[in-house]
Amino acid sequence: MLLLINFNAFRVFWRNFNQQQLISSAFIFIFLLSVLAVSKAPVFAQSPVTGGFEGKVREKGTGTPLAGAVVEFINNANGFQTAKRSDQNGDFRQNTLQPGVYLIRVTLAGYKTKEKSQELYATRSNALVPVPVELEKEETVAVVTT
């Protein structure tokens, strides 16, 4: 009996539904579906969010730029590691890093190694986080043997 009621309700609906309404509804549906299929909406493919670090390596005390320092960027979450060298002005820059917490290690012969932890936030502007670094000279101890 319930099946008959549902079938009768469907039959009444179908009789009252205008054929013109059916055609226009189908046309609108197909049109919207085709627009959605050919559009390049950012919902379908977004560029990855990245950022980076930039800074200057200087000698502590004098502020002299240090060229040739190795600057390593180590992602604490996944262990990804990359390195750059500071240029003749002591500047370094590393782009296209995934957001996360990084250990930044700076080494140069004759200077103490410096490590600092820095967070790189997820931003749409792919901004560079400034990381100034000052290295201290290593103390040399002269050993005289007689």
N, C-alpha and C. Protein backbone atom coordinates (compact mmCIF):
# COMPACT_ATOMS: atom_id res chain seq x y z
N MET A 1 0.82 -1.19 0.00
CA MET A 1 0.00 0.00 0.00
C MET A 1 0.87 1.26 0.00
N LEU A 2 1.96 1.25 0.79
CA LEU A 2 2.87 2.40 0.84
C LEU A 2 3.51 2.62 -0.51
N LEU A 3 3.85 1.57 -1.21
CA LEU A 3 4.44 1.68 -2.54
C LEU A 3 3.48 2.31 -3.52
N LEU A 4 2.20 1.97 -3.42
CA LEU A 4 1.20 2.57 -4.29
C LEU A 4 1.03 4.06 -4.03
N ILE A 5 1.11 4.46 -2.77
CA ILE A 5 0.96 5.88 -2.43
C ILE A 5 2.12 6.66 -3.03
N ASN A 6 3.35 6.15 -2.87
CA ASN A 6 4.52 6.83 -3.42
C ASN A 6 4.46 6.89 -4.94
N PHE A 7 4.03 5.79 -5.58
CA PHE A 7 3.94 5.79 -7.03
C PHE A 7 2.87 6.76 -7.50
N ASN A 8 1.74 6.81 -6.80
CA ASN A 8 0.67 7.74 -7.16
C ASN A 8 1.13 9.18 -6.95
N ALA A 9 1.85 9.44 -5.90
CA ALA A 9 2.36 10.79 -5.66
C ALA A 9 3.31 11.19 -6.77
N PHE A 10 4.18 10.28 -7.20
CA PHE A 10 5.09 10.57 -8.30
C PHE A 10 4.33 10.84 -9.59
N ARG A 11 3.30 10.05 -9.86
CA ARG A 11 2.51 10.22 -11.08
C ARG A 11 1.82 11.59 -11.08
N VAL A 12 1.29 12.01 -9.96
CA VAL A 12 0.64 13.33 -9.86
C VAL A 12 1.68 14.43 -10.08
N PHE A 13 2.84 14.27 -9.48
CA PHE A 13 3.91 15.27 -9.65
C PHE A 13 4.31 15.37 -11.12
N TRP A 14 4.50 14.24 -11.77
CA TRP A 14 4.94 14.22 -13.16
C TRP A 14 3.90 14.85 -14.08
N ARG A 15 2.62 14.62 -13.82
CA ARG A 15 1.56 15.21 -14.63
C ARG A 15 1.53 16.73 -14.49
N ASN A 16 1.78 17.22 -13.29
CA ASN A 16 1.72 18.65 -13.04
C ASN A 16 3.00 19.39 -13.42
N PHE A 17 4.07 18.65 -13.58
CA PHE A 17 5.35 19.28 -13.93
C PHE A 17 5.33 19.66 -15.40
N ASN A 18 5.58 20.88 -15.69
CA ASN A 18 5.54 21.41 -17.04
C ASN A 18 6.76 20.93 -17.82
N GLN A 19 6.56 20.52 -19.05
CA GLN A 19 7.67 20.04 -19.88
C GLN A 19 8.66 21.17 -20.14
N GLN A 20 8.18 22.38 -20.26
CA GLN A 20 9.07 23.53 -20.49
C GLN A 20 9.99 23.75 -19.28
N GLN A 21 9.46 23.56 -18.07
CA GLN A 21 10.27 23.68 -16.87
C GLN A 21 11.37 22.62 -16.84
N LEU A 22 11.03 21.42 -17.27
CA LEU A 22 12.01 20.34 -17.30
C LEU A 22 13.14 20.66 -18.26
N ILE A 23 12.83 21.15 -19.44
CA ILE A 23 13.85 21.47 -20.44
C ILE A 23 14.73 22.62 -19.96
N SER A 24 14.13 23.67 -19.41
CA SER A 24 14.94 24.81 -18.94
C SER A 24 15.81 24.41 -17.75
N SER A 25 15.30 23.59 -16.85
CA SER A 25 16.11 23.13 -15.71
C SER A 25 17.28 22.29 -16.18
N ALA A 26 17.05 21.41 -17.15
CA ALA A 26 18.11 20.57 -17.69
C ALA A 26 19.16 21.43 -18.39
N PHE A 27 18.74 22.45 -19.14
CA PHE A 27 19.67 23.33 -19.84
C PHE A 27 20.54 24.09 -18.84
N ILE A 28 19.93 24.61 -17.79
CA ILE A 28 20.70 25.36 -16.78
C ILE A 28 21.70 24.43 -16.08
N PHE A 29 21.28 23.23 -15.76
CA PHE A 29 22.17 22.26 -15.11
C PHE A 29 23.36 21.93 -16.00
N ILE A 30 23.12 21.66 -17.27
CA ILE A 30 24.21 21.33 -18.21
C ILE A 30 25.14 22.52 -18.39
N PHE A 31 24.58 23.73 -18.50
CA PHE A 31 25.39 24.93 -18.67
C PHE A 31 26.32 25.14 -17.46
N LEU A 32 25.76 25.05 -16.25
CA LEU A 32 26.58 25.24 -15.05
C LEU A 32 27.63 24.15 -14.91
N LEU A 33 27.29 22.95 -15.26
CA LEU A 33 28.26 21.86 -15.21
C LEU A 33 29.40 22.08 -16.19
N SER A 34 29.11 22.57 -17.38
CA SER A 34 30.16 22.81 -18.37
C SER A 34 31.05 23.99 -17.96
N VAL A 35 30.46 25.03 -17.38
CA VAL A 35 31.25 26.17 -16.90
C VAL A 35 32.19 25.71 -15.79
N LEU A 36 31.70 24.90 -14.90
CA LEU A 36 32.52 24.38 -13.82
C LEU A 36 33.65 23.50 -14.34
N ALA A 37 33.37 22.74 -15.38
CA ALA A 37 34.38 21.82 -15.94
C ALA A 37 35.52 22.55 -16.63
N VAL A 38 35.26 23.68 -17.27
CA VAL A 38 36.32 24.37 -18.03
C VAL A 38 36.96 25.51 -17.26
N SER A 39 36.42 25.89 -16.10
CA SER A 39 37.01 26.99 -15.35
C SER A 39 38.29 26.54 -14.65
N LYS A 40 39.18 27.50 -14.43
CA LYS A 40 40.43 27.22 -13.73
C LYS A 40 40.35 27.84 -12.34
N ALA A 41 39.39 27.44 -11.60
CA ALA A 41 39.17 27.99 -10.26
C ALA A 41 40.28 27.54 -9.33
N PRO A 42 40.71 28.42 -8.42
CA PRO A 42 41.76 28.05 -7.48
C PRO A 42 41.34 26.94 -6.51
N VAL A 43 40.08 26.58 -6.50
CA VAL A 43 39.62 25.49 -5.65
C VAL A 43 40.23 24.18 -6.10
N PHE A 44 40.49 24.05 -7.40
CA PHE A 44 40.98 22.80 -7.94
C PHE A 44 42.49 22.64 -7.81
N ALA A 45 43.23 23.72 -7.98
CA ALA A 45 44.69 23.62 -7.94
C ALA A 45 45.26 24.86 -7.28
N GLN A 46 45.69 24.73 -6.06
CA GLN A 46 46.29 25.85 -5.37
C GLN A 46 47.79 25.67 -5.34
N SER A 47 48.50 26.79 -5.46
CA SER A 47 49.95 26.71 -5.39
C SER A 47 50.35 26.45 -3.94
N PRO A 48 51.46 25.75 -3.73
CA PRO A 48 51.86 25.43 -2.36
C PRO A 48 52.27 26.70 -1.61
N VAL A 49 52.02 26.70 -0.34
CA VAL A 49 52.39 27.83 0.51
C VAL A 49 53.82 27.60 0.98
N THR A 50 54.68 28.54 0.65
CA THR A 50 56.08 28.43 1.07
C THR A 50 56.54 29.77 1.61
N GLY A 51 57.70 29.76 2.16
CA GLY A 51 58.32 30.98 2.67
C GLY A 51 59.82 30.80 2.64
N GLY A 52 60.52 31.60 3.40
CA GLY A 52 61.96 31.47 3.40
C GLY A 52 62.60 32.35 4.46
N PHE A 53 63.92 32.29 4.47
CA PHE A 53 64.71 33.06 5.42
C PHE A 53 65.72 33.90 4.65
N GLU A 54 66.03 35.06 5.19
CA GLU A 54 67.11 35.89 4.65
C GLU A 54 67.79 36.58 5.82
N GLY A 55 69.04 36.93 5.60
CA GLY A 55 69.75 37.60 6.66
C GLY A 55 71.15 37.99 6.26
N LYS A 56 71.89 38.45 7.23
CA LYS A 56 73.27 38.88 7.02
C LYS A 56 74.12 38.29 8.13
N VAL A 57 75.26 37.72 7.75
CA VAL A 57 76.21 37.16 8.72
C VAL A 57 77.26 38.23 8.98
N ARG A 58 77.40 38.59 10.26
CA ARG A 58 78.36 39.62 10.65
C ARG A 58 79.23 39.10 11.79
N GLU A 59 80.38 39.77 11.95
CA GLU A 59 81.26 39.46 13.08
C GLU A 59 80.73 40.19 14.30
N LYS A 60 80.62 39.45 15.40
CA LYS A 60 80.12 40.06 16.63
C LYS A 60 81.12 41.10 17.14
N GLY A 61 80.61 42.23 17.54
CA GLY A 61 81.46 43.29 18.06
C GLY A 61 81.79 44.34 17.01
N THR A 62 82.32 43.91 15.87
CA THR A 62 82.70 44.87 14.83
C THR A 62 81.60 45.10 13.80
N GLY A 63 80.72 44.12 13.60
CA GLY A 63 79.66 44.26 12.60
C GLY A 63 80.14 44.05 11.17
N THR A 64 81.36 43.58 11.01
CA THR A 64 81.91 43.34 9.67
C THR A 64 81.18 42.19 9.00
N PRO A 65 80.70 42.37 7.75
CA PRO A 65 80.04 41.28 7.04
C PRO A 65 81.02 40.14 6.79
N LEU A 66 80.54 38.90 6.95
CA LEU A 66 81.38 37.72 6.77
C LEU A 66 80.94 36.95 5.53
N ALA A 67 81.81 36.88 4.54
CA ALA A 67 81.53 36.17 3.30
C ALA A 67 81.91 34.70 3.44
N GLY A 68 81.18 33.84 2.74
CA GLY A 68 81.52 32.42 2.68
C GLY A 68 81.05 31.57 3.85
N ALA A 69 80.23 32.14 4.74
CA ALA A 69 79.70 31.35 5.85
C ALA A 69 78.66 30.37 5.31
N VAL A 70 78.68 29.14 5.82
CA VAL A 70 77.69 28.13 5.41
C VAL A 70 76.49 28.26 6.34
N VAL A 71 75.32 28.49 5.73
CA VAL A 71 74.07 28.62 6.48
C VAL A 71 73.20 27.42 6.14
N GLU A 72 72.96 26.56 7.14
CA GLU A 72 72.15 25.36 6.94
C GLU A 72 70.75 25.58 7.52
N PHE A 73 69.74 25.08 6.79
CA PHE A 73 68.35 25.16 7.21
C PHE A 73 67.84 23.72 7.37
N ILE A 74 67.49 23.33 8.59
CA ILE A 74 67.07 21.96 8.87
C ILE A 74 65.65 22.00 9.43
N ASN A 75 64.70 21.37 8.72
CA ASN A 75 63.32 21.30 9.16
C ASN A 75 63.23 20.29 10.30
N ASN A 76 62.78 20.72 11.48
CA ASN A 76 62.71 19.84 12.65
C ASN A 76 61.68 18.74 12.49
N ALA A 77 60.62 18.97 11.70
CA ALA A 77 59.54 17.98 11.58
C ALA A 77 59.93 16.81 10.69
N ASN A 78 60.56 17.10 9.55
CA ASN A 78 60.83 16.01 8.59
C ASN A 78 62.32 15.80 8.30
N GLY A 79 63.20 16.62 8.88
CA GLY A 79 64.63 16.44 8.68
C GLY A 79 65.16 16.99 7.37
N PHE A 80 64.29 17.62 6.55
CA PHE A 80 64.76 18.19 5.29
C PHE A 80 65.84 19.21 5.57
N GLN A 81 66.92 19.15 4.77
CA GLN A 81 68.07 20.00 5.02
C GLN A 81 68.54 20.62 3.72
N THR A 82 68.85 21.90 3.75
CA THR A 82 69.44 22.59 2.61
C THR A 82 70.42 23.62 3.15
N ALA A 83 71.35 24.06 2.30
CA ALA A 83 72.38 25.01 2.76
C ALA A 83 72.66 26.06 1.70
N LYS A 84 73.09 27.21 2.16
CA LYS A 84 73.51 28.33 1.31
C LYS A 84 74.79 28.89 1.88
N ARG A 85 75.51 29.67 1.05
CA ARG A 85 76.70 30.40 1.52
C ARG A 85 76.39 31.89 1.50
N SER A 86 76.93 32.60 2.47
CA SER A 86 76.76 34.05 2.47
C SER A 86 77.63 34.65 1.38
N ASP A 87 77.12 35.70 0.72
CA ASP A 87 77.87 36.34 -0.37
C ASP A 87 78.92 37.31 0.18
N GLN A 88 79.54 38.09 -0.70
CA GLN A 88 80.63 38.99 -0.28
C GLN A 88 80.16 40.06 0.70
N ASN A 89 78.84 40.32 0.76
CA ASN A 89 78.30 41.29 1.71
C ASN A 89 77.77 40.61 2.98
N GLY A 90 77.95 39.29 3.08
CA GLY A 90 77.47 38.55 4.23
C GLY A 90 76.00 38.16 4.13
N ASP A 91 75.36 38.46 3.00
CA ASP A 91 73.93 38.19 2.83
C ASP A 91 73.67 36.74 2.41
N PHE A 92 72.56 36.20 2.89
CA PHE A 92 72.10 34.88 2.45
C PHE A 92 70.58 34.91 2.30
N ARG A 93 70.06 34.01 1.48
CA ARG A 93 68.62 33.92 1.25
C ARG A 93 68.28 32.49 0.83
N GLN A 94 67.24 31.95 1.45
CA GLN A 94 66.73 30.64 1.07
C GLN A 94 65.21 30.75 0.92
N ASN A 95 64.72 30.56 -0.30
CA ASN A 95 63.29 30.61 -0.59
C ASN A 95 62.70 29.21 -0.63
N THR A 96 61.43 29.13 -0.86
CA THR A 96 60.65 27.90 -1.11
C THR A 96 60.84 26.83 -0.04
N LEU A 97 60.72 27.24 1.20
CA LEU A 97 60.74 26.28 2.31
C LEU A 97 59.30 26.09 2.80
N GLN A 98 58.99 24.87 3.19
CA GLN A 98 57.67 24.58 3.75
C GLN A 98 57.56 25.18 5.15
N PRO A 99 56.37 25.59 5.56
CA PRO A 99 56.20 26.13 6.91
C PRO A 99 56.61 25.10 7.97
N GLY A 100 57.12 25.59 9.08
CA GLY A 100 57.53 24.71 10.17
C GLY A 100 58.61 25.36 11.01
N VAL A 101 59.16 24.60 11.93
CA VAL A 101 60.25 25.09 12.79
C VAL A 101 61.56 24.58 12.21
N TYR A 102 62.51 25.49 12.04
CA TYR A 102 63.80 25.16 11.44
C TYR A 102 64.93 25.45 12.42
N LEU A 103 65.94 24.59 12.37
CA LEU A 103 67.20 24.86 13.05
C LEU A 103 68.10 25.50 12.00
N ILE A 104 68.58 26.70 12.30
CA ILE A 104 69.47 27.40 11.37
C ILE A 104 70.86 27.38 11.99
N ARG A 105 71.79 26.76 11.27
CA ARG A 105 73.16 26.58 11.75
C ARG A 105 74.10 27.35 10.82
N VAL A 106 74.95 28.20 11.40
CA VAL A 106 75.88 29.01 10.62
C VAL A 106 77.30 28.66 11.06
N THR A 107 78.14 28.29 10.08
CA THR A 107 79.53 27.94 10.37
C THR A 107 80.47 28.68 9.44
N LEU A 108 81.64 29.02 9.96
CA LEU A 108 82.69 29.66 9.19
C LEU A 108 84.01 29.38 9.91
N ALA A 109 85.03 29.01 9.16
CA ALA A 109 86.33 28.71 9.75
C ALA A 109 86.85 29.90 10.54
N GLY A 110 87.32 29.64 11.75
CA GLY A 110 87.85 30.70 12.61
C GLY A 110 86.79 31.33 13.50
N TYR A 111 85.54 30.88 13.37
CA TYR A 111 84.44 31.42 14.18
C TYR A 111 83.67 30.29 14.84
N LYS A 112 83.05 30.59 15.98
CA LYS A 112 82.22 29.61 16.67
C LYS A 112 80.93 29.38 15.87
N THR A 113 80.50 28.12 15.82
CA THR A 113 79.25 27.78 15.14
C THR A 113 78.08 28.35 15.92
N LYS A 114 77.13 28.92 15.20
CA LYS A 114 75.94 29.51 15.82
C LYS A 114 74.72 28.75 15.35
N GLU A 115 73.85 28.36 16.30
CA GLU A 115 72.59 27.69 15.97
C GLU A 115 71.45 28.47 16.57
N LYS A 116 70.37 28.57 15.79
CA LYS A 116 69.18 29.23 16.32
C LYS A 116 67.96 28.56 15.73
N SER A 117 66.90 28.46 16.54
CA SER A 117 65.64 27.86 16.11
C SER A 117 64.72 28.99 15.66
N GLN A 118 64.12 28.82 14.50
CA GLN A 118 63.25 29.86 13.94
C GLN A 118 62.02 29.22 13.31
N GLU A 119 60.86 29.80 13.59
CA GLU A 119 59.61 29.28 13.01
C GLU A 119 59.29 30.01 11.71
N LEU A 120 58.88 29.24 10.73
CA LEU A 120 58.46 29.79 9.44
C LEU A 120 56.96 29.57 9.33
N TYR A 121 56.20 30.65 9.34
CA TYR A 121 54.74 30.56 9.32
C TYR A 121 54.22 30.41 7.89
N ALA A 122 53.06 29.80 7.77
CA ALA A 122 52.39 29.66 6.47
C ALA A 122 51.71 30.97 6.12
N THR A 123 52.20 31.61 5.04
CA THR A 123 51.59 32.85 4.57
C THR A 123 51.36 32.77 3.08
N ARG A 124 50.39 33.50 2.59
CA ARG A 124 50.11 33.53 1.16
C ARG A 124 51.12 34.38 0.41
N SER A 125 51.81 35.27 1.10
CA SER A 125 52.72 36.19 0.43
C SER A 125 54.10 35.60 0.22
N ASN A 126 54.33 34.37 0.68
CA ASN A 126 55.64 33.73 0.57
C ASN A 126 56.73 34.65 1.13
N ALA A 127 56.46 35.20 2.28
CA ALA A 127 57.35 36.17 2.90
C ALA A 127 58.65 35.54 3.37
N LEU A 128 59.70 36.38 3.41
CA LEU A 128 61.00 35.97 3.92
C LEU A 128 61.14 36.47 5.35
N VAL A 129 61.53 35.57 6.24
CA VAL A 129 61.72 35.91 7.66
C VAL A 129 63.17 36.38 7.84
N PRO A 130 63.37 37.57 8.42
CA PRO A 130 64.74 38.04 8.64
C PRO A 130 65.42 37.27 9.77
N VAL A 131 66.67 36.85 9.50
CA VAL A 131 67.45 36.10 10.49
C VAL A 131 68.86 36.70 10.53
N PRO A 132 69.07 37.73 11.35
CA PRO A 132 70.43 38.27 11.47
C PRO A 132 71.29 37.33 12.31
N VAL A 133 72.56 37.19 11.92
CA VAL A 133 73.47 36.27 12.63
C VAL A 133 74.78 37.00 12.92
N GLU A 134 75.22 36.88 14.17
CA GLU A 134 76.53 37.42 14.55
C GLU A 134 77.38 36.26 15.04
N LEU A 135 78.56 36.12 14.44
CA LEU A 135 79.48 35.04 14.82
C LEU A 135 80.62 35.59 15.66
N GLU A 136 80.97 34.82 16.70
CA GLU A 136 82.10 35.18 17.55
C GLU A 136 83.36 34.48 17.05
N LYS A 137 84.48 35.19 17.11
CA LYS A 137 85.75 34.57 16.74
C LYS A 137 86.10 33.50 17.76
N GLU A 138 86.69 32.41 17.26
CA GLU A 138 87.17 31.37 18.17
C GLU A 138 88.42 31.86 18.86
N GLU A 139 88.52 31.52 20.11
CA GLU A 139 89.73 31.89 20.85
C GLU A 139 90.81 30.88 20.52
N THR A 140 91.96 31.38 20.17
CA THR A 140 93.08 30.48 19.89
C THR A 140 94.02 30.50 21.09
N VAL A 141 94.38 29.33 21.46
CA VAL A 141 95.29 29.19 22.60
C VAL A 141 96.61 28.65 22.06
N ALA A 142 97.66 29.39 22.30
CA ALA A 142 98.98 28.97 21.85
C ALA A 142 99.60 28.07 22.91
N VAL A 143 99.98 26.88 22.47
CA VAL A 143 100.63 25.95 23.39
C VAL A 143 102.12 25.93 23.06
N VAL A 144 102.91 26.27 24.06
CA VAL A 144 104.36 26.30 23.87
C VAL A 144 104.95 25.12 24.61
N THR A 145 105.68 24.32 23.88
CA THR A 145 106.34 23.18 24.52
C THR A 145 107.84 23.42 24.49
N THR A 146 108.48 23.01 25.55
CA THR A 146 109.94 23.20 25.61
C THR A 146 110.66 21.91 25.72
